[in-house]
Amino acid sequence: MEKAKIGVVGLGGRGNHHAGLIASFDNAEVIAVCDLYQDRVDSVSENVEKVCGKRPTGYLNYKEMFEKEEGKAKFHFVSGVYELKAEI
């Protein structure tokens, strides 16, 4: 079975936890992460890599992430969902 490819937007406490949890599933792969803060992107990317052996691509701009990962992943919004929905 093909793995579900996931991009996580919002890497605060919940986003960090969700990215690690998703990475631990055998049937899912975190391929991209996004946050406004580089330190969160770096930290979550490192944690995901430790869990599953693959480092996701990190982004600081969700629009760039959508553009580059379009058609590759489903997106999981952890924070700012209402603001993002208005702009998409």
N, C-alpha and C. Protein backbone atom coordinates (compact mmCIF):
# COMPACT_ATOMS: atom_id res chain seq x y z
N MET A 1 0.83 -1.18 0.00
CA MET A 1 0.00 0.00 0.00
C MET A 1 0.88 1.25 0.00
N GLU A 2 0.51 2.22 -0.81
CA GLU A 2 1.26 3.47 -0.89
C GLU A 2 1.05 4.30 0.38
N LYS A 3 2.11 4.92 0.84
CA LYS A 3 2.02 5.77 2.03
C LYS A 3 1.31 7.08 1.72
N ALA A 4 0.54 7.56 2.68
CA ALA A 4 -0.07 8.88 2.57
C ALA A 4 1.03 9.91 2.79
N LYS A 5 1.15 10.86 1.91
CA LYS A 5 2.17 11.91 2.03
C LYS A 5 1.50 13.14 2.64
N ILE A 6 2.10 13.64 3.73
CA ILE A 6 1.49 14.70 4.53
C ILE A 6 2.42 15.90 4.64
N GLY A 7 1.84 17.10 4.52
CA GLY A 7 2.54 18.34 4.83
C GLY A 7 1.89 18.95 6.05
N VAL A 8 2.68 19.38 7.03
CA VAL A 8 2.16 19.94 8.27
C VAL A 8 2.43 21.43 8.30
N VAL A 9 1.37 22.22 8.51
CA VAL A 9 1.48 23.68 8.59
C VAL A 9 1.17 24.09 10.02
N GLY A 10 2.11 24.79 10.65
CA GLY A 10 1.96 25.22 12.03
C GLY A 10 2.70 24.26 12.94
N LEU A 11 3.88 24.65 13.41
CA LEU A 11 4.76 23.72 14.11
C LEU A 11 4.99 24.08 15.56
N GLY A 12 3.98 24.70 16.19
CA GLY A 12 4.06 24.95 17.62
C GLY A 12 3.94 23.62 18.37
N GLY A 13 3.43 23.66 19.58
CA GLY A 13 3.34 22.46 20.40
C GLY A 13 2.55 21.34 19.75
N ARG A 14 1.33 21.65 19.29
CA ARG A 14 0.51 20.63 18.65
C ARG A 14 1.10 20.17 17.33
N GLY A 15 1.58 21.12 16.52
CA GLY A 15 2.15 20.77 15.22
C GLY A 15 3.37 19.88 15.34
N ASN A 16 4.22 20.19 16.30
CA ASN A 16 5.40 19.38 16.56
C ASN A 16 4.97 17.96 16.93
N HIS A 17 4.01 17.86 17.83
CA HIS A 17 3.51 16.55 18.26
C HIS A 17 2.88 15.79 17.09
N HIS A 18 2.02 16.47 16.33
CA HIS A 18 1.34 15.81 15.22
C HIS A 18 2.33 15.33 14.15
N ALA A 19 3.32 16.14 13.83
CA ALA A 19 4.31 15.75 12.82
C ALA A 19 5.04 14.48 13.26
N GLY A 20 5.46 14.43 14.53
CA GLY A 20 6.14 13.25 15.04
C GLY A 20 5.24 12.02 15.06
N LEU A 21 4.00 12.23 15.42
CA LEU A 21 3.04 11.13 15.46
C LEU A 21 2.78 10.59 14.06
N ILE A 22 2.53 11.48 13.11
CA ILE A 22 2.29 11.06 11.72
C ILE A 22 3.51 10.32 11.17
N ALA A 23 4.71 10.83 11.48
CA ALA A 23 5.94 10.20 11.01
C ALA A 23 6.11 8.78 11.55
N SER A 24 5.50 8.50 12.69
CA SER A 24 5.65 7.17 13.29
C SER A 24 4.72 6.13 12.67
N PHE A 25 3.75 6.56 11.88
CA PHE A 25 2.82 5.62 11.24
C PHE A 25 3.50 4.93 10.06
N ASP A 26 3.26 3.65 9.93
CA ASP A 26 3.84 2.89 8.81
C ASP A 26 3.23 3.28 7.47
N ASN A 27 2.01 3.78 7.50
CA ASN A 27 1.30 4.08 6.24
C ASN A 27 1.27 5.57 5.90
N ALA A 28 2.14 6.37 6.55
CA ALA A 28 2.18 7.80 6.29
C ALA A 28 3.62 8.30 6.28
N GLU A 29 3.83 9.42 5.59
CA GLU A 29 5.15 10.03 5.49
C GLU A 29 4.98 11.55 5.53
N VAL A 30 5.70 12.21 6.42
CA VAL A 30 5.70 13.67 6.47
C VAL A 30 6.74 14.14 5.44
N ILE A 31 6.27 14.74 4.34
CA ILE A 31 7.20 15.15 3.29
C ILE A 31 7.52 16.64 3.34
N ALA A 32 6.72 17.43 4.10
CA ALA A 32 6.95 18.87 4.17
C ALA A 32 6.40 19.41 5.48
N VAL A 33 7.10 20.41 6.01
CA VAL A 33 6.65 21.11 7.22
C VAL A 33 6.80 22.61 6.99
N CYS A 34 5.94 23.38 7.66
CA CYS A 34 5.96 24.83 7.44
C CYS A 34 5.60 25.57 8.72
N ASP A 35 6.34 26.64 8.99
CA ASP A 35 6.06 27.53 10.10
C ASP A 35 6.70 28.87 9.79
N LEU A 36 6.28 29.90 10.50
CA LEU A 36 6.89 31.22 10.31
C LEU A 36 8.28 31.33 10.92
N TYR A 37 8.61 30.40 11.83
CA TYR A 37 9.88 30.46 12.56
C TYR A 37 10.83 29.35 12.11
N GLN A 38 12.01 29.76 11.66
CA GLN A 38 13.00 28.80 11.15
C GLN A 38 13.40 27.78 12.20
N ASP A 39 13.53 28.20 13.47
CA ASP A 39 13.94 27.25 14.50
C ASP A 39 12.93 26.12 14.67
N ARG A 40 11.65 26.41 14.51
CA ARG A 40 10.62 25.36 14.58
C ARG A 40 10.72 24.42 13.38
N VAL A 41 10.91 24.99 12.20
CA VAL A 41 11.06 24.18 11.00
C VAL A 41 12.25 23.23 11.16
N ASP A 42 13.37 23.76 11.62
CA ASP A 42 14.57 22.94 11.80
C ASP A 42 14.37 21.85 12.85
N SER A 43 13.78 22.22 13.98
CA SER A 43 13.57 21.27 15.07
C SER A 43 12.62 20.15 14.68
N VAL A 44 11.49 20.50 14.08
CA VAL A 44 10.51 19.47 13.69
C VAL A 44 11.07 18.60 12.57
N SER A 45 11.77 19.20 11.62
CA SER A 45 12.38 18.42 10.54
C SER A 45 13.35 17.39 11.12
N GLU A 46 14.14 17.82 12.08
CA GLU A 46 15.11 16.92 12.72
C GLU A 46 14.39 15.80 13.47
N ASN A 47 13.33 16.16 14.20
CA ASN A 47 12.58 15.14 14.95
C ASN A 47 11.92 14.12 14.02
N VAL A 48 11.33 14.59 12.93
CA VAL A 48 10.71 13.68 11.97
C VAL A 48 11.76 12.74 11.39
N GLU A 49 12.92 13.28 11.06
CA GLU A 49 14.00 12.45 10.51
C GLU A 49 14.44 11.37 11.50
N LYS A 50 14.50 11.73 12.78
CA LYS A 50 14.88 10.75 13.80
C LYS A 50 13.86 9.62 13.89
N VAL A 51 12.58 9.96 13.73
CA VAL A 51 11.51 8.97 13.85
C VAL A 51 11.46 8.03 12.65
N CYS A 52 11.55 8.60 11.44
CA CYS A 52 11.30 7.76 10.25
C CYS A 52 12.48 7.64 9.29
N GLY A 53 13.56 8.39 9.54
CA GLY A 53 14.73 8.26 8.69
C GLY A 53 14.74 9.16 7.46
N LYS A 54 13.68 9.94 7.26
CA LYS A 54 13.61 10.86 6.12
C LYS A 54 13.32 12.26 6.63
N ARG A 55 14.09 13.22 6.14
CA ARG A 55 13.90 14.61 6.54
C ARG A 55 12.91 15.29 5.60
N PRO A 56 11.84 15.89 6.14
CA PRO A 56 10.89 16.59 5.28
C PRO A 56 11.49 17.91 4.78
N THR A 57 10.97 18.39 3.67
CA THR A 57 11.36 19.71 3.18
C THR A 57 10.73 20.76 4.09
N GLY A 58 11.51 21.75 4.48
CA GLY A 58 11.01 22.78 5.37
C GLY A 58 10.70 24.08 4.63
N TYR A 59 9.64 24.74 5.04
CA TYR A 59 9.21 26.00 4.42
C TYR A 59 8.86 27.02 5.50
N LEU A 60 9.06 28.28 5.17
CA LEU A 60 8.63 29.39 6.02
C LEU A 60 7.38 30.07 5.48
N ASN A 61 6.95 29.68 4.30
CA ASN A 61 5.81 30.30 3.64
C ASN A 61 4.89 29.18 3.13
N TYR A 62 3.67 29.14 3.65
CA TYR A 62 2.78 28.06 3.27
C TYR A 62 2.39 28.12 1.79
N LYS A 63 2.34 29.30 1.21
CA LYS A 63 2.00 29.40 -0.21
C LYS A 63 3.09 28.76 -1.07
N GLU A 64 4.34 28.97 -0.69
CA GLU A 64 5.45 28.32 -1.41
C GLU A 64 5.37 26.80 -1.25
N MET A 65 5.04 26.35 -0.05
CA MET A 65 4.91 24.92 0.19
C MET A 65 3.80 24.32 -0.67
N PHE A 66 2.65 24.99 -0.73
CA PHE A 66 1.56 24.49 -1.56
C PHE A 66 1.96 24.42 -3.03
N GLU A 67 2.64 25.46 -3.48
CA GLU A 67 3.05 25.52 -4.88
C GLU A 67 4.01 24.39 -5.24
N LYS A 68 5.00 24.16 -4.37
CA LYS A 68 6.02 23.16 -4.67
C LYS A 68 5.57 21.73 -4.38
N GLU A 69 4.65 21.56 -3.45
CA GLU A 69 4.23 20.21 -3.06
C GLU A 69 2.86 19.84 -3.62
N GLU A 70 2.28 20.71 -4.42
CA GLU A 70 0.95 20.47 -4.98
C GLU A 70 0.90 19.13 -5.72
N GLY A 71 -0.10 18.36 -5.42
CA GLY A 71 -0.25 17.06 -6.06
C GLY A 71 0.56 15.95 -5.41
N LYS A 72 1.46 16.31 -4.48
CA LYS A 72 2.28 15.31 -3.81
C LYS A 72 1.75 14.94 -2.43
N ALA A 73 1.07 15.90 -1.77
CA ALA A 73 0.73 15.70 -0.36
C ALA A 73 -0.65 16.22 -0.02
N LYS A 74 -1.19 15.67 1.05
CA LYS A 74 -2.34 16.23 1.74
C LYS A 74 -1.77 17.15 2.81
N PHE A 75 -2.48 18.21 3.14
CA PHE A 75 -1.96 19.16 4.11
C PHE A 75 -2.74 19.11 5.41
N HIS A 76 -2.01 19.17 6.50
CA HIS A 76 -2.56 19.09 7.85
C HIS A 76 -2.31 20.44 8.52
N PHE A 77 -3.38 21.19 8.77
CA PHE A 77 -3.25 22.51 9.38
C PHE A 77 -3.43 22.39 10.88
N VAL A 78 -2.42 22.84 11.62
CA VAL A 78 -2.48 22.73 13.06
C VAL A 78 -2.83 24.06 13.70
N SER A 79 -2.39 25.16 13.12
CA SER A 79 -2.72 26.47 13.67
C SER A 79 -3.01 27.43 12.53
N GLY A 80 -3.77 28.44 12.82
CA GLY A 80 -4.09 29.44 11.80
C GLY A 80 -5.03 28.93 10.73
N VAL A 81 -5.80 27.90 11.04
CA VAL A 81 -6.65 27.27 10.02
C VAL A 81 -7.62 28.28 9.42
N TYR A 82 -8.25 29.06 10.23
CA TYR A 82 -9.28 29.97 9.71
C TYR A 82 -8.68 31.04 8.82
N GLU A 83 -7.51 31.56 9.19
CA GLU A 83 -6.85 32.56 8.36
C GLU A 83 -6.43 31.96 7.02
N LEU A 84 -5.91 30.73 7.04
CA LEU A 84 -5.47 30.08 5.81
C LEU A 84 -6.63 29.78 4.90
N LYS A 85 -7.73 29.33 5.44
CA LYS A 85 -8.90 29.01 4.62
C LYS A 85 -9.37 30.23 3.87
N ALA A 86 -9.29 31.39 4.49
CA ALA A 86 -9.75 32.61 3.86
C ALA A 86 -8.89 33.00 2.66
N GLU A 87 -7.62 32.61 2.68
CA GLU A 87 -6.69 33.00 1.63
C GLU A 87 -6.56 31.97 0.53
N ILE A 88 -6.93 30.74 0.77
CA ILE A 88 -6.72 29.68 -0.21
C ILE A 88 -7.78 29.75 -1.30
